[in-house]
Amino acid sequence: MNNNGHVAFYGGLTNGTVGLWSEGSGSLSLVARDGMQVVGAPEGVHHSFGILRDFFPDLPSLNDAGQV
């Protein structure tokens, strides 16, 4: 949670993957999920949150500008 009261969090999806949600823009929305193409990266570069979540349990973080 940031200083403006907005949240960002991981959540499990029904297909067994993990998604990252944020309220930083003012409404809750999916930011990324396992297997999703990384915006701005070369084709075939996909998000994977499993390892990050295991090693960095405080992630994700949300700054006061609403950026995850």
PDB file of N, CA and C in Angstrom:
ATOM      1  N   MET A   1       0.853  -1.174   0.000  1.00  0.00           N
ATOM      2  CA  MET A   1       0.000   0.000   0.000  1.00  0.00           C
ATOM      3  C   MET A   1       0.896   1.234   0.000  1.00  0.00           C
ATOM      4  N   ASN A   2       0.544   2.201  -0.827  1.00  0.00           N
ATOM      5  CA  ASN A   2       1.334   3.431  -0.845  1.00  0.00           C
ATOM      6  C   ASN A   2       0.712   4.469   0.094  1.00  0.00           C
ATOM      7  N   ASN A   3       1.316   5.648   0.150  1.00  0.00           N
ATOM      8  CA  ASN A   3       0.838   6.693   1.061  1.00  0.00           C
ATOM      9  C   ASN A   3      -0.518   7.269   0.667  1.00  0.00           C
ATOM     10  N   ASN A   4      -0.987   6.974  -0.549  1.00  0.00           N
ATOM     11  CA  ASN A   4      -2.296   7.437  -1.004  1.00  0.00           C
ATOM     12  C   ASN A   4      -3.395   6.401  -0.766  1.00  0.00           C
ATOM     13  N   GLY A   5      -3.012   5.268  -0.151  1.00  0.00           N
ATOM     14  CA  GLY A   5      -3.986   4.225   0.146  1.00  0.00           C
ATOM     15  C   GLY A   5      -4.268   3.268  -0.999  1.00  0.00           C
ATOM     16  N   HIS A   6      -3.494   3.363  -2.089  1.00  0.00           N
ATOM     17  CA  HIS A   6      -3.665   2.437  -3.203  1.00  0.00           C
ATOM     18  C   HIS A   6      -2.841   1.172  -2.951  1.00  0.00           C
ATOM     19  N   VAL A   7      -3.296   0.059  -3.523  1.00  0.00           N
ATOM     20  CA  VAL A   7      -2.635  -1.220  -3.277  1.00  0.00           C
ATOM     21  C   VAL A   7      -2.119  -1.840  -4.564  1.00  0.00           C
ATOM     22  N   ALA A   8      -1.140  -2.728  -4.404  1.00  0.00           N
ATOM     23  CA  ALA A   8      -0.651  -3.605  -5.463  1.00  0.00           C
ATOM     24  C   ALA A   8      -0.412  -4.949  -4.802  1.00  0.00           C
ATOM     25  N   PHE A   9      -0.786  -6.033  -5.480  1.00  0.00           N
ATOM     26  CA  PHE A   9      -0.645  -7.359  -4.863  1.00  0.00           C
ATOM     27  C   PHE A   9      -0.610  -8.448  -5.922  1.00  0.00           C
ATOM     28  N   TYR A  10      -0.038  -9.597  -5.531  1.00  0.00           N
ATOM     29  CA  TYR A  10      -0.081 -10.803  -6.344  1.00  0.00           C
ATOM     30  C   TYR A  10      -1.370 -11.541  -6.034  1.00  0.00           C
ATOM     31  N   GLY A  11      -1.856 -12.268  -7.006  1.00  0.00           N
ATOM     32  CA  GLY A  11      -3.016 -13.108  -6.765  1.00  0.00           C
ATOM     33  C   GLY A  11      -2.955 -14.330  -7.662  1.00  0.00           C
ATOM     34  N   GLY A  12      -3.415 -15.449  -7.131  1.00  0.00           N
ATOM     35  CA  GLY A  12      -3.458 -16.676  -7.909  1.00  0.00           C
ATOM     36  C   GLY A  12      -4.655 -16.677  -8.850  1.00  0.00           C
ATOM     37  N   LEU A  13      -4.434 -17.160 -10.064  1.00  0.00           N
ATOM     38  CA  LEU A  13      -5.497 -17.263 -11.058  1.00  0.00           C
ATOM     39  C   LEU A  13      -6.005 -18.704 -11.114  1.00  0.00           C
ATOM     40  N   THR A  14      -7.178 -18.901 -11.635  1.00  0.00           N
ATOM     41  CA  THR A  14      -7.775 -20.240 -11.651  1.00  0.00           C
ATOM     42  C   THR A  14      -6.998 -21.227 -12.507  1.00  0.00           C
ATOM     43  N   ASN A  15      -6.153 -20.744 -13.424  1.00  0.00           N
ATOM     44  CA  ASN A  15      -5.363 -21.659 -14.251  1.00  0.00           C
ATOM     45  C   ASN A  15      -4.025 -22.021 -13.603  1.00  0.00           C
ATOM     46  N   GLY A  16      -3.807 -21.593 -12.358  1.00  0.00           N
ATOM     47  CA  GLY A  16      -2.595 -21.943 -11.625  1.00  0.00           C
ATOM     48  C   GLY A  16      -1.458 -20.953 -11.789  1.00  0.00           C
ATOM     49  N   THR A  17      -1.624 -19.912 -12.591  1.00  0.00           N
ATOM     50  CA  THR A  17      -0.580 -18.903 -12.745  1.00  0.00           C
ATOM     51  C   THR A  17      -0.792 -17.786 -11.729  1.00  0.00           C
ATOM     52  N   VAL A  18       0.119 -16.829 -11.729  1.00  0.00           N
ATOM     53  CA  VAL A  18       0.067 -15.713 -10.792  1.00  0.00           C
ATOM     54  C   VAL A  18      -0.095 -14.418 -11.575  1.00  0.00           C
ATOM     55  N   GLY A  19      -0.905 -13.527 -11.048  1.00  0.00           N
ATOM     56  CA  GLY A  19      -1.080 -12.217 -11.657  1.00  0.00           C
ATOM     57  C   GLY A  19      -0.691 -11.124 -10.673  1.00  0.00           C
ATOM     58  N   LEU A  20      -0.410  -9.953 -11.198  1.00  0.00           N
ATOM     59  CA  LEU A  20      -0.074  -8.777 -10.408  1.00  0.00           C
ATOM     60  C   LEU A  20      -1.134  -7.728 -10.678  1.00  0.00           C
ATOM     61  N   TRP A  21      -1.825  -7.303  -9.630  1.00  0.00           N
ATOM     62  CA  TRP A  21      -2.874  -6.290  -9.746  1.00  0.00           C
ATOM     63  C   TRP A  21      -2.426  -5.013  -9.065  1.00  0.00           C
ATOM     64  N   SER A  22      -2.937  -3.896  -9.555  1.00  0.00           N
ATOM     65  CA  SER A  22      -2.621  -2.596  -8.977  1.00  0.00           C
ATOM     66  C   SER A  22      -3.844  -1.700  -9.032  1.00  0.00           C
ATOM     67  N   GLU A  23      -3.943  -0.846  -8.033  1.00  0.00           N
ATOM     68  CA  GLU A  23      -4.972   0.174  -7.969  1.00  0.00           C
ATOM     69  C   GLU A  23      -4.339   1.551  -8.167  1.00  0.00           C
ATOM     70  N   GLY A  24      -3.090   1.569  -8.592  1.00  0.00           N
ATOM     71  CA  GLY A  24      -2.331   2.806  -8.709  1.00  0.00           C
ATOM     72  C   GLY A  24      -2.923   3.823  -9.659  1.00  0.00           C
ATOM     73  N   SER A  25      -3.655   3.369 -10.669  1.00  0.00           N
ATOM     74  CA  SER A  25      -4.251   4.304 -11.630  1.00  0.00           C
ATOM     75  C   SER A  25      -5.623   4.790 -11.170  1.00  0.00           C
ATOM     76  N   GLY A  26      -6.066   4.323 -10.013  1.00  0.00           N
ATOM     77  CA  GLY A  26      -7.352   4.741  -9.479  1.00  0.00           C
ATOM     78  C   GLY A  26      -8.399   3.649  -9.500  1.00  0.00           C
ATOM     79  N   SER A  27      -8.217   2.644 -10.350  1.00  0.00           N
ATOM     80  CA  SER A  27      -9.120   1.501 -10.338  1.00  0.00           C
ATOM     81  C   SER A  27      -8.292   0.225 -10.396  1.00  0.00           C
ATOM     82  N   LEU A  28      -8.771  -0.818  -9.777  1.00  0.00           N
ATOM     83  CA  LEU A  28      -8.043  -2.073  -9.704  1.00  0.00           C
ATOM     84  C   LEU A  28      -7.980  -2.711 -11.084  1.00  0.00           C
ATOM     85  N   SER A  29      -6.768  -3.088 -11.515  1.00  0.00           N
ATOM     86  CA  SER A  29      -6.615  -3.731 -12.816  1.00  0.00           C
ATOM     87  C   SER A  29      -5.418  -4.667 -12.815  1.00  0.00           C
ATOM     88  N   LEU A  30      -5.462  -5.634 -13.709  1.00  0.00           N
ATOM     89  CA  LEU A  30      -4.363  -6.572 -13.889  1.00  0.00           C
ATOM     90  C   LEU A  30      -3.231  -5.843 -14.599  1.00  0.00           C
ATOM     91  N   VAL A  31      -2.037  -5.861 -13.998  1.00  0.00           N
ATOM     92  CA  VAL A  31      -0.867  -5.218 -14.580  1.00  0.00           C
ATOM     93  C   VAL A  31      -0.108  -6.214 -15.439  1.00  0.00           C
ATOM     94  N   ALA A  32       0.067  -7.422 -14.919  1.00  0.00           N
ATOM     95  CA  ALA A  32       0.817  -8.462 -15.615  1.00  0.00           C
ATOM     96  C   ALA A  32       0.448  -9.806 -15.015  1.00  0.00           C
ATOM     97  N   ARG A  33       0.703 -10.859 -15.777  1.00  0.00           N
ATOM     98  CA  ARG A  33       0.484 -12.212 -15.268  1.00  0.00           C
ATOM     99  C   ARG A  33       1.570 -13.111 -15.830  1.00  0.00           C
ATOM    100  N   ASP A  34       1.792 -14.233 -15.176  1.00  0.00           N
ATOM    101  CA  ASP A  34       2.756 -15.213 -15.682  1.00  0.00           C
ATOM    102  C   ASP A  34       2.447 -15.516 -17.141  1.00  0.00           C
ATOM    103  N   GLY A  35       3.479 -15.516 -17.966  1.00  0.00           N
ATOM    104  CA  GLY A  35       3.324 -15.859 -19.369  1.00  0.00           C
ATOM    105  C   GLY A  35       2.947 -14.709 -20.279  1.00  0.00           C
ATOM    106  N   MET A  36       2.621 -13.547 -19.727  1.00  0.00           N
ATOM    107  CA  MET A  36       2.238 -12.382 -20.531  1.00  0.00           C
ATOM    108  C   MET A  36       3.490 -11.738 -21.131  1.00  0.00           C
ATOM    109  N   GLN A  37       3.413 -11.323 -22.394  1.00  0.00           N
ATOM    110  CA  GLN A  37       4.519 -10.634 -23.052  1.00  0.00           C
ATOM    111  C   GLN A  37       4.888  -9.377 -22.257  1.00  0.00           C
ATOM    112  N   VAL A  38       6.183  -9.156 -22.019  1.00  0.00           N
ATOM    113  CA  VAL A  38       6.647  -7.964 -21.320  1.00  0.00           C
ATOM    114  C   VAL A  38       6.614  -6.789 -22.296  1.00  0.00           C
ATOM    115  N   VAL A  39       5.871  -5.749 -21.949  1.00  0.00           N
ATOM    116  CA  VAL A  39       5.750  -4.565 -22.800  1.00  0.00           C
ATOM    117  C   VAL A  39       7.113  -3.924 -22.997  1.00  0.00           C
ATOM    118  N   GLY A  40       7.469  -3.647 -24.236  1.00  0.00           N
ATOM    119  CA  GLY A  40       8.734  -2.989 -24.551  1.00  0.00           C
ATOM    120  C   GLY A  40       9.921  -3.928 -24.665  1.00  0.00           C
ATOM    121  N   ALA A  41       9.723  -5.207 -24.390  1.00  0.00           N
ATOM    122  CA  ALA A  41      10.810  -6.188 -24.484  1.00  0.00           C
ATOM    123  C   ALA A  41      10.707  -6.919 -25.833  1.00  0.00           C
ATOM    124  N   PRO A  42      11.785  -7.565 -26.249  1.00  0.00           N
ATOM    125  CA  PRO A  42      11.730  -8.321 -27.499  1.00  0.00           C
ATOM    126  C   PRO A  42      10.648  -9.405 -27.443  1.00  0.00           C
ATOM    127  N   GLU A  43      10.110  -9.735 -28.602  1.00  0.00           N
ATOM    128  CA  GLU A  43       9.093 -10.784 -28.706  1.00  0.00           C
ATOM    129  C   GLU A  43       9.588 -12.067 -28.033  1.00  0.00           C
ATOM    130  N   GLY A  44       8.735 -12.679 -27.240  1.00  0.00           N
ATOM    131  CA  GLY A  44       9.076 -13.918 -26.557  1.00  0.00           C
ATOM    132  C   GLY A  44       9.564 -13.735 -25.128  1.00  0.00           C
ATOM    133  N   VAL A  45       9.722 -12.492 -24.673  1.00  0.00           N
ATOM    134  CA  VAL A  45      10.105 -12.238 -23.284  1.00  0.00           C
ATOM    135  C   VAL A  45       8.819 -12.101 -22.482  1.00  0.00           C
ATOM    136  N   HIS A  46       8.621 -13.032 -21.550  1.00  0.00           N
ATOM    137  CA  HIS A  46       7.369 -13.100 -20.799  1.00  0.00           C
ATOM    138  C   HIS A  46       7.602 -12.926 -19.305  1.00  0.00           C
ATOM    139  N   HIS A  47       6.568 -12.440 -18.623  1.00  0.00           N
ATOM    140  CA  HIS A  47       6.613 -12.314 -17.165  1.00  0.00           C
ATOM    141  C   HIS A  47       6.606 -13.684 -16.505  1.00  0.00           C
ATOM    142  N   SER A  48       7.315 -13.788 -15.383  1.00  0.00           N
ATOM    143  CA  SER A  48       7.301 -14.982 -14.547  1.00  0.00           C
ATOM    144  C   SER A  48       7.490 -14.525 -13.106  1.00  0.00           C
ATOM    145  N   PHE A  49       6.454 -14.688 -12.293  1.00  0.00           N
ATOM    146  CA  PHE A  49       6.494 -14.177 -10.924  1.00  0.00           C
ATOM    147  C   PHE A  49       6.824 -15.225  -9.875  1.00  0.00           C
ATOM    148  N   GLY A  50       6.796 -16.490 -10.196  1.00  0.00           N
ATOM    149  CA  GLY A  50       6.993 -17.536  -9.206  1.00  0.00           C
ATOM    150  C   GLY A  50       8.273 -17.392  -8.403  1.00  0.00           C
ATOM    151  N   ILE A  51       9.408 -17.251  -9.085  1.00  0.00           N
ATOM    152  CA  ILE A  51      10.704 -17.156  -8.401  1.00  0.00           C
ATOM    153  C   ILE A  51      10.799 -15.855  -7.622  1.00  0.00           C
ATOM    154  N   LEU A  52      10.389 -14.734  -8.200  1.00  0.00           N
ATOM    155  CA  LEU A  52      10.454 -13.458  -7.494  1.00  0.00           C
ATOM    156  C   LEU A  52       9.644 -13.501  -6.209  1.00  0.00           C
ATOM    157  N   ARG A  53       8.462 -14.074  -6.272  1.00  0.00           N
ATOM    158  CA  ARG A  53       7.586 -14.124  -5.104  1.00  0.00           C
ATOM    159  C   ARG A  53       8.214 -14.954  -3.988  1.00  0.00           C
ATOM    160  N   ASP A  54       8.944 -16.015  -4.349  1.00  0.00           N
ATOM    161  CA  ASP A  54       9.582 -16.865  -3.340  1.00  0.00           C
ATOM    162  C   ASP A  54      10.755 -16.163  -2.663  1.00  0.00           C
ATOM    163  N   PHE A  55      11.536 -15.386  -3.418  1.00  0.00           N
ATOM    164  CA  PHE A  55      12.724 -14.748  -2.867  1.00  0.00           C
ATOM    165  C   PHE A  55      12.471 -13.358  -2.294  1.00  0.00           C
ATOM    166  N   PHE A  56      11.442 -12.670  -2.781  1.00  0.00           N
ATOM    167  CA  PHE A  56      11.139 -11.310  -2.353  1.00  0.00           C
ATOM    168  C   PHE A  56       9.671 -11.212  -1.958  1.00  0.00           C
ATOM    169  N   PRO A  57       9.296 -11.737  -0.797  1.00  0.00           N
ATOM    170  CA  PRO A  57       7.885 -11.771  -0.425  1.00  0.00           C
ATOM    171  C   PRO A  57       7.250 -10.398  -0.251  1.00  0.00           C
ATOM    172  N   ASP A  58       8.039  -9.298  -0.128  1.00  0.00           N
ATOM    173  CA  ASP A  58       7.435  -7.968   0.017  1.00  0.00           C
ATOM    174  C   ASP A  58       6.997  -7.390  -1.327  1.00  0.00           C
ATOM    175  N   LEU A  59       7.502  -7.953  -2.414  1.00  0.00           N
ATOM    176  CA  LEU A  59       7.111  -7.439  -3.724  1.00  0.00           C
ATOM    177  C   LEU A  59       5.641  -7.729  -3.938  1.00  0.00           C
ATOM    178  N   PRO A  60       4.925  -6.974  -4.658  1.00  0.00           N
ATOM    179  CA  PRO A  60       5.338  -5.783  -5.380  1.00  0.00           C
ATOM    180  C   PRO A  60       5.297  -4.547  -4.500  1.00  0.00           C
ATOM    181  N   SER A  61       5.885  -3.480  -4.985  1.00  0.00           N
ATOM    182  CA  SER A  61       5.783  -2.212  -4.274  1.00  0.00           C
ATOM    183  C   SER A  61       5.122  -1.198  -5.201  1.00  0.00           C
ATOM    184  N   LEU A  62       4.490  -0.236  -4.600  1.00  0.00           N
ATOM    185  CA  LEU A  62       3.729   0.774  -5.342  1.00  0.00           C
ATOM    186  C   LEU A  62       4.156   2.134  -4.812  1.00  0.00           C
ATOM    187  N   ASN A  63       4.717   2.979  -5.691  1.00  0.00           N
ATOM    188  CA  ASN A  63       5.120   4.297  -5.215  1.00  0.00           C
ATOM    189  C   ASN A  63       3.926   5.242  -5.142  1.00  0.00           C
ATOM    190  N   ASP A  64       4.133   6.443  -4.627  1.00  0.00           N
ATOM    191  CA  ASP A  64       3.031   7.383  -4.439  1.00  0.00           C
ATOM    192  C   ASP A  64       2.488   7.959  -5.747  1.00  0.00           C
ATOM    193  N   ALA A  65       3.227   7.758  -6.852  1.00  0.00           N
ATOM    194  CA  ALA A  65       2.742   8.167  -8.173  1.00  0.00           C
ATOM    195  C   ALA A  65       1.858   7.083  -8.783  1.00  0.00           C
ATOM    196  N   GLY A  66       1.746   5.932  -8.085  1.00  0.00           N
ATOM    197  CA  GLY A  66       0.914   4.843  -8.567  1.00  0.00           C
ATOM    198  C   GLY A  66       1.630   3.867  -9.474  1.00  0.00           C
ATOM    199  N   GLN A  67       2.946   3.943  -9.551  1.00  0.00           N
ATOM    200  CA  GLN A  67       3.719   3.034 -10.385  1.00  0.00           C
ATOM    201  C   GLN A  67       4.093   1.798  -9.603  1.00  0.00           C
ATOM    202  N   VAL A  68       3.891   0.636 -10.221  1.00  0.00           N
ATOM    203  CA  VAL A  68       4.231  -0.645  -9.581  1.00  0.00           C
ATOM    204  C   VAL A  68       5.697  -0.921  -9.826  1.00  0.00           C
TER     205      VAL A  68
END
